């Protein structure tokens, strides 16, 4: 190859080397991440009847919040299955978010029927300025929540196990920050 041709390829070779190193670094990152995930999956305990050891001792107070808008077909099941949880220290706050169907009536009849101090019902009639839909409803619920932990759910969800809340709290990560303005939360 003539000397001039080698000079033409030098800048391209440098670029190819840089790209090769970059791609190798990315591939190494993916391999290490895959290895970490695989180890985590293997070390995770399978959740089954045999592995459940019951609610945590000295259970922290959990506030479960469910926002509902026009959920008359789902709300009763959602509330009943959540109140049926075996977790010893929780409140259920259900926020009726401007429903135009019978959601609010169903919630009030459940509250009267159950006579359960754990069930709190909030009726949102209008949005505060600058707030929208479900975010506003959840904000209203958080405002009256007294739990150390917050658990957010949906009105169309039903708990298929009495141990859902106990399991979620048992396997939740430890609280890192114990700031008075910070509360951890759980999604179900």
C-alpha atoms as a PDB file:
ATOM      1  CA  UNK A   1       0.000   0.000   0.000  1.00  0.00           C
ATOM      2  CA  UNK A   2       1.451   3.392  -0.880  1.00  0.00           C
ATOM      3  CA  UNK A   3       2.298   5.711   2.019  1.00  0.00           C
ATOM      4  CA  UNK A   4      -0.495   8.146   1.101  1.00  0.00           C
ATOM      5  CA  UNK A   5      -3.172   5.413   1.381  1.00  0.00           C
ATOM      6  CA  UNK A   6      -2.101   4.525   4.944  1.00  0.00           C
ATOM      7  CA  UNK A   7      -2.415   8.177   5.949  1.00  0.00           C
ATOM      8  CA  UNK A   8      -5.996   8.225   4.651  1.00  0.00           C
ATOM      9  CA  UNK A   9      -6.987   5.187   6.760  1.00  0.00           C
ATOM     10  CA  UNK A  10      -5.366   6.348  10.068  1.00  0.00           C
ATOM     11  CA  UNK A  11      -8.229   8.653  11.157  1.00  0.00           C
ATOM     12  CA  UNK A  12     -10.764   5.948  10.349  1.00  0.00           C
ATOM     13  CA  UNK A  13      -8.786   3.352  12.312  1.00  0.00           C
ATOM     14  CA  UNK A  14      -8.702   5.609  15.383  1.00  0.00           C
ATOM     15  CA  UNK A  15     -12.462   6.057  15.148  1.00  0.00           C
ATOM     16  CA  UNK A  16     -13.008   2.324  14.776  1.00  0.00           C
ATOM     17  CA  UNK A  17     -10.834   1.617  17.812  1.00  0.00           C
ATOM     18  CA  UNK A  18     -12.749   4.152  19.909  1.00  0.00           C
ATOM     19  CA  UNK A  19     -16.099   2.667  18.828  1.00  0.00           C
ATOM     20  CA  UNK A  20     -14.849  -0.866  19.498  1.00  0.00           C
ATOM     21  CA  UNK A  21     -13.755   0.067  23.037  1.00  0.00           C
ATOM     22  CA  UNK A  22     -17.062   1.844  23.667  1.00  0.00           C
ATOM     23  CA  UNK A  23     -19.110  -1.117  22.444  1.00  0.00           C
ATOM     24  CA  UNK A  24     -16.996  -3.529  24.499  1.00  0.00           C
ATOM     25  CA  UNK A  25     -17.620  -1.402  27.620  1.00  0.00           C
ATOM     26  CA  UNK A  26     -21.369  -1.375  26.973  1.00  0.00           C
ATOM     27  CA  UNK A  27     -21.401  -5.137  26.407  1.00  0.00           C
ATOM     28  CA  UNK A  28     -19.467  -5.681  29.641  1.00  0.00           C
ATOM     29  CA  UNK A  29     -21.997  -3.518  31.490  1.00  0.00           C
ATOM     30  CA  UNK A  30     -24.885  -5.589  30.139  1.00  0.00           C
ATOM     31  CA  UNK A  31     -23.167  -8.862  31.022  1.00  0.00           C
ATOM     32  CA  UNK A  32     -22.498  -7.693  34.597  1.00  0.00           C
ATOM     33  CA  UNK A  33     -26.089  -6.449  34.973  1.00  0.00           C
ATOM     34  CA  UNK A  34     -27.462  -9.746  33.666  1.00  0.00           C
ATOM     35  CA  UNK A  35     -25.278 -11.635  36.134  1.00  0.00           C
ATOM     36  CA  UNK A  36     -26.485  -9.434  38.988  1.00  0.00           C
ATOM     37  CA  UNK A  37     -30.148  -9.949  38.050  1.00  0.00           C
ATOM     38  CA  UNK A  38     -29.665 -13.705  37.688  1.00  0.00           C
ATOM     39  CA  UNK A  39     -28.110 -13.930  41.134  1.00  0.00           C
ATOM     40  CA  UNK A  40     -30.936 -11.851  42.597  1.00  0.00           C
ATOM     41  CA  UNK A  41     -33.590 -14.070  41.050  1.00  0.00           C
ATOM     42  CA  UNK A  42     -31.916 -17.224  42.350  1.00  0.00           C
ATOM     43  CA  UNK A  43     -31.618 -15.812  45.872  1.00  0.00           C
ATOM     44  CA  UNK A  44     -35.219 -14.515  46.002  1.00  0.00           C
ATOM     45  CA  UNK A  45     -37.564 -16.610  48.049  1.00  0.00           C
ATOM     46  CA  UNK A  46     -40.560 -17.973  46.179  1.00  0.00           C
ATOM     47  CA  UNK A  47     -43.800 -16.728  47.705  1.00  0.00           C
ATOM     48  CA  UNK A  48     -46.079 -19.621  48.533  1.00  0.00           C
ATOM     49  CA  UNK A  49     -48.200 -20.968  51.364  1.00  0.00           C
ATOM     50  CA  UNK A  50     -45.155 -22.755  52.791  1.00  0.00           C
ATOM     51  CA  UNK A  51     -42.888 -19.698  52.841  1.00  0.00           C
ATOM     52  CA  UNK A  52     -45.332 -17.297  54.505  1.00  0.00           C
ATOM     53  CA  UNK A  53     -44.419 -16.729  58.133  1.00  0.00           C
ATOM     54  CA  UNK A  54     -47.174 -14.262  59.003  1.00  0.00           C
ATOM     55  CA  UNK A  55     -47.365 -10.515  59.493  1.00  0.00           C
ATOM     56  CA  UNK A  56     -44.265  -8.747  60.678  1.00  0.00           C
ATOM     57  CA  UNK A  57     -43.850  -8.378  64.442  1.00  0.00           C
ATOM     58  CA  UNK A  58     -44.402  -4.794  65.597  1.00  0.00           C
ATOM     59  CA  UNK A  59     -46.136  -4.035  62.305  1.00  0.00           C
ATOM     60  CA  UNK A  60     -45.775  -0.415  61.215  1.00  0.00           C
ATOM     61  CA  UNK A  61     -48.994   1.488  60.561  1.00  0.00           C
ATOM     62  CA  UNK A  62     -49.923   1.310  56.846  1.00  0.00           C
ATOM     63  CA  UNK A  63     -52.365   3.639  55.121  1.00  0.00           C
ATOM     64  CA  UNK A  64     -53.880   1.984  52.040  1.00  0.00           C
ATOM     65  CA  UNK A  65     -55.286   4.521  49.579  1.00  0.00           C
ATOM     66  CA  UNK A  66     -57.702   3.670  46.779  1.00  0.00           C
ATOM     67  CA  UNK A  67     -59.069   6.311  44.420  1.00  0.00           C
ATOM     68  CA  UNK A  68     -62.347   5.507  42.667  1.00  0.00           C
ATOM     69  CA  UNK A  69     -64.150   7.360  39.899  1.00  0.00           C
ATOM     70  CA  UNK A  70     -67.304   5.749  38.536  1.00  0.00           C
ATOM     71  CA  UNK A  71     -66.327   2.301  39.842  1.00  0.00           C
ATOM     72  CA  UNK A  72     -69.715   1.026  41.037  1.00  0.00           C
ATOM     73  CA  UNK A  73     -69.059  -2.417  39.528  1.00  0.00           C
ATOM     74  CA  UNK A  74     -65.672  -2.863  41.246  1.00  0.00           C
ATOM     75  CA  UNK A  75     -65.524  -0.827  44.429  1.00  0.00           C
ATOM     76  CA  UNK A  76     -67.324  -3.190  46.778  1.00  0.00           C
ATOM     77  CA  UNK A  77     -65.014  -6.120  45.973  1.00  0.00           C
ATOM     78  CA  UNK A  78     -61.929  -3.902  46.210  1.00  0.00           C
ATOM     79  CA  UNK A  79     -62.928  -2.624  49.664  1.00  0.00           C
ATOM     80  CA  UNK A  80     -64.075  -5.964  51.080  1.00  0.00           C
ATOM     81  CA  UNK A  81     -60.965  -7.864  49.964  1.00  0.00           C
ATOM     82  CA  UNK A  82     -58.664  -5.154  51.313  1.00  0.00           C
ATOM     83  CA  UNK A  83     -60.438  -5.032  54.673  1.00  0.00           C
ATOM     84  CA  UNK A  84     -60.118  -8.824  54.827  1.00  0.00           C
ATOM     85  CA  UNK A  85     -56.301  -8.609  54.956  1.00  0.00           C
ATOM     86  CA  UNK A  86     -54.544 -10.343  57.867  1.00  0.00           C
ATOM     87  CA  UNK A  87     -52.211  -7.374  58.432  1.00  0.00           C
ATOM     88  CA  UNK A  88     -52.860  -6.127  61.969  1.00  0.00           C
ATOM     89  CA  UNK A  89     -52.189  -2.391  61.696  1.00  0.00           C
ATOM     90  CA  UNK A  90     -53.680  -0.614  58.679  1.00  0.00           C
ATOM     91  CA  UNK A  91     -56.322   1.863  57.627  1.00  0.00           C
ATOM     92  CA  UNK A  92     -58.132   1.888  54.291  1.00  0.00           C
ATOM     93  CA  UNK A  93     -58.828   5.308  52.815  1.00  0.00           C
ATOM     94  CA  UNK A  94     -61.118   5.212  49.781  1.00  0.00           C
ATOM     95  CA  UNK A  95     -61.448   8.433  47.835  1.00  0.00           C
ATOM     96  CA  UNK A  96     -64.600   8.866  45.746  1.00  0.00           C
ATOM     97  CA  UNK A  97     -63.263  11.099  42.977  1.00  0.00           C
ATOM     98  CA  UNK A  98     -66.280  12.999  41.653  1.00  0.00           C
ATOM     99  CA  UNK A  99     -68.164   9.851  40.659  1.00  0.00           C
ATOM    100  CA  UNK A 100     -71.406  10.254  38.748  1.00  0.00           C
ATOM    101  CA  UNK A 101     -72.579   6.675  39.343  1.00  0.00           C
ATOM    102  CA  UNK A 102     -73.377   4.878  42.637  1.00  0.00           C
ATOM    103  CA  UNK A 103     -69.736   4.618  43.832  1.00  0.00           C
ATOM    104  CA  UNK A 104     -70.230   7.098  46.688  1.00  0.00           C
ATOM    105  CA  UNK A 105     -73.452   5.419  47.856  1.00  0.00           C
ATOM    106  CA  UNK A 106     -71.812   1.994  47.830  1.00  0.00           C
ATOM    107  CA  UNK A 107     -68.913   3.300  49.908  1.00  0.00           C
ATOM    108  CA  UNK A 108     -71.238   4.866  52.452  1.00  0.00           C
ATOM    109  CA  UNK A 109     -73.299   1.671  52.749  1.00  0.00           C
ATOM    110  CA  UNK A 110     -70.093  -0.360  53.246  1.00  0.00           C
ATOM    111  CA  UNK A 111     -68.956   2.045  55.957  1.00  0.00           C
ATOM    112  CA  UNK A 112     -72.327   1.783  57.729  1.00  0.00           C
ATOM    113  CA  UNK A 113     -72.544  -2.007  57.323  1.00  0.00           C
ATOM    114  CA  UNK A 114     -69.010  -2.803  58.448  1.00  0.00           C
ATOM    115  CA  UNK A 115     -68.771  -0.267  61.281  1.00  0.00           C
ATOM    116  CA  UNK A 116     -64.998  -0.686  60.914  1.00  0.00           C
ATOM    117  CA  UNK A 117     -62.751   2.123  62.170  1.00  0.00           C
ATOM    118  CA  UNK A 118     -60.139   1.122  59.593  1.00  0.00           C
ATOM    119  CA  UNK A 119     -62.352   2.300  56.697  1.00  0.00           C
ATOM    120  CA  UNK A 120     -62.332   6.015  55.909  1.00  0.00           C
ATOM    121  CA  UNK A 121     -64.259   7.432  52.955  1.00  0.00           C
ATOM    122  CA  UNK A 122     -63.458  10.788  51.375  1.00  0.00           C
ATOM    123  CA  UNK A 123     -65.739  12.385  48.791  1.00  0.00           C
ATOM    124  CA  UNK A 124     -64.046  14.775  46.359  1.00  0.00           C
ATOM    125  CA  UNK A 125     -66.687  17.008  44.792  1.00  0.00           C
ATOM    126  CA  UNK A 126     -64.418  19.306  42.762  1.00  0.00           C
ATOM    127  CA  UNK A 127     -60.788  19.626  41.766  1.00  0.00           C
ATOM    128  CA  UNK A 128     -58.497  22.099  43.415  1.00  0.00           C
ATOM    129  CA  UNK A 129     -56.961  24.594  41.059  1.00  0.00           C
ATOM    130  CA  UNK A 130     -53.904  23.168  39.325  1.00  0.00           C
ATOM    131  CA  UNK A 131     -54.722  19.543  40.197  1.00  0.00           C
ATOM    132  CA  UNK A 132     -56.064  16.840  37.911  1.00  0.00           C
ATOM    133  CA  UNK A 133     -58.032  13.624  38.435  1.00  0.00           C
ATOM    134  CA  UNK A 134     -56.461  10.760  40.317  1.00  0.00           C
ATOM    135  CA  UNK A 135     -53.474  12.815  41.487  1.00  0.00           C
ATOM    136  CA  UNK A 136     -55.859  15.164  43.280  1.00  0.00           C
ATOM    137  CA  UNK A 137     -57.815  12.273  44.799  1.00  0.00           C
ATOM    138  CA  UNK A 138     -54.657  10.619  46.129  1.00  0.00           C
ATOM    139  CA  UNK A 139     -53.460  13.963  47.526  1.00  0.00           C
ATOM    140  CA  UNK A 140     -56.743  14.268  49.426  1.00  0.00           C
ATOM    141  CA  UNK A 141     -56.268  10.767  50.844  1.00  0.00           C
ATOM    142  CA  UNK A 142     -52.638  11.321  51.816  1.00  0.00           C
ATOM    143  CA  UNK A 143     -53.697  14.473  53.666  1.00  0.00           C
ATOM    144  CA  UNK A 144     -55.710  12.422  56.183  1.00  0.00           C
ATOM    145  CA  UNK A 145     -53.506   9.314  56.239  1.00  0.00           C
ATOM    146  CA  UNK A 146     -51.788   8.550  59.537  1.00  0.00           C
ATOM    147  CA  UNK A 147     -49.726   5.538  58.487  1.00  0.00           C
ATOM    148  CA  UNK A 148     -45.958   5.305  58.592  1.00  0.00           C
ATOM    149  CA  UNK A 149     -46.196   3.581  55.185  1.00  0.00           C
ATOM    150  CA  UNK A 150     -48.449   4.497  52.251  1.00  0.00           C
ATOM    151  CA  UNK A 151     -49.833   1.790  49.951  1.00  0.00           C
ATOM    152  CA  UNK A 152     -51.533   2.897  46.726  1.00  0.00           C
ATOM    153  CA  UNK A 153     -54.109   0.681  45.033  1.00  0.00           C
ATOM    154  CA  UNK A 154     -56.807   0.858  42.395  1.00  0.00           C
ATOM    155  CA  UNK A 155     -60.554   0.436  42.650  1.00  0.00           C
ATOM    156  CA  UNK A 156     -60.595  -2.282  40.018  1.00  0.00           C
ATOM    157  CA  UNK A 157     -58.160  -4.484  41.952  1.00  0.00           C
ATOM    158  CA  UNK A 158     -59.259  -7.238  44.264  1.00  0.00           C
ATOM    159  CA  UNK A 159     -56.922  -9.021  46.650  1.00  0.00           C
ATOM    160  CA  UNK A 160     -56.793 -12.741  45.902  1.00  0.00           C
ATOM    161  CA  UNK A 161     -54.963 -13.465  49.140  1.00  0.00           C
ATOM    162  CA  UNK A 162     -55.536 -12.301  52.695  1.00  0.00           C
ATOM    163  CA  UNK A 163     -51.747 -11.983  52.972  1.00  0.00           C
ATOM    164  CA  UNK A 164     -51.073  -9.396  50.267  1.00  0.00           C
ATOM    165  CA  UNK A 165     -50.407  -6.497  52.624  1.00  0.00           C
ATOM    166  CA  UNK A 166     -48.442  -8.612  55.134  1.00  0.00           C
ATOM    167  CA  UNK A 167     -46.230  -9.943  52.355  1.00  0.00           C
ATOM    168  CA  UNK A 168     -45.669  -6.496  50.857  1.00  0.00           C
ATOM    169  CA  UNK A 169     -44.575  -5.045  54.196  1.00  0.00           C
ATOM    170  CA  UNK A 170     -42.434  -8.061  55.102  1.00  0.00           C
ATOM    171  CA  UNK A 171     -40.478  -7.881  51.839  1.00  0.00           C
ATOM    172  CA  UNK A 172     -40.335  -4.088  51.534  1.00  0.00           C
ATOM    173  CA  UNK A 173     -36.836  -2.626  51.657  1.00  0.00           C
ATOM    174  CA  UNK A 174     -35.726  -1.125  54.957  1.00  0.00           C
ATOM    175  CA  UNK A 175     -36.482   2.550  55.467  1.00  0.00           C
ATOM    176  CA  UNK A 176     -33.391   4.590  54.691  1.00  0.00           C
ATOM    177  CA  UNK A 177     -34.658   8.044  55.604  1.00  0.00           C
ATOM    178  CA  UNK A 178     -36.629   8.716  58.753  1.00  0.00           C
ATOM    179  CA  UNK A 179     -37.380  12.328  57.963  1.00  0.00           C
ATOM    180  CA  UNK A 180     -40.604  13.777  59.409  1.00  0.00           C
ATOM    181  CA  UNK A 181     -41.739  14.902  55.947  1.00  0.00           C
ATOM    182  CA  UNK A 182     -40.941  11.602  54.201  1.00  0.00           C
ATOM    183  CA  UNK A 183     -43.079   8.464  54.273  1.00  0.00           C
ATOM    184  CA  UNK A 184     -42.240   5.325  52.325  1.00  0.00           C
ATOM    185  CA  UNK A 185     -44.881   3.867  50.028  1.00  0.00           C
ATOM    186  CA  UNK A 186     -45.841   0.529  48.538  1.00  0.00           C
ATOM    187  CA  UNK A 187     -47.574  -0.094  45.232  1.00  0.00           C
ATOM    188  CA  UNK A 188     -49.935  -3.005  44.909  1.00  0.00           C
END
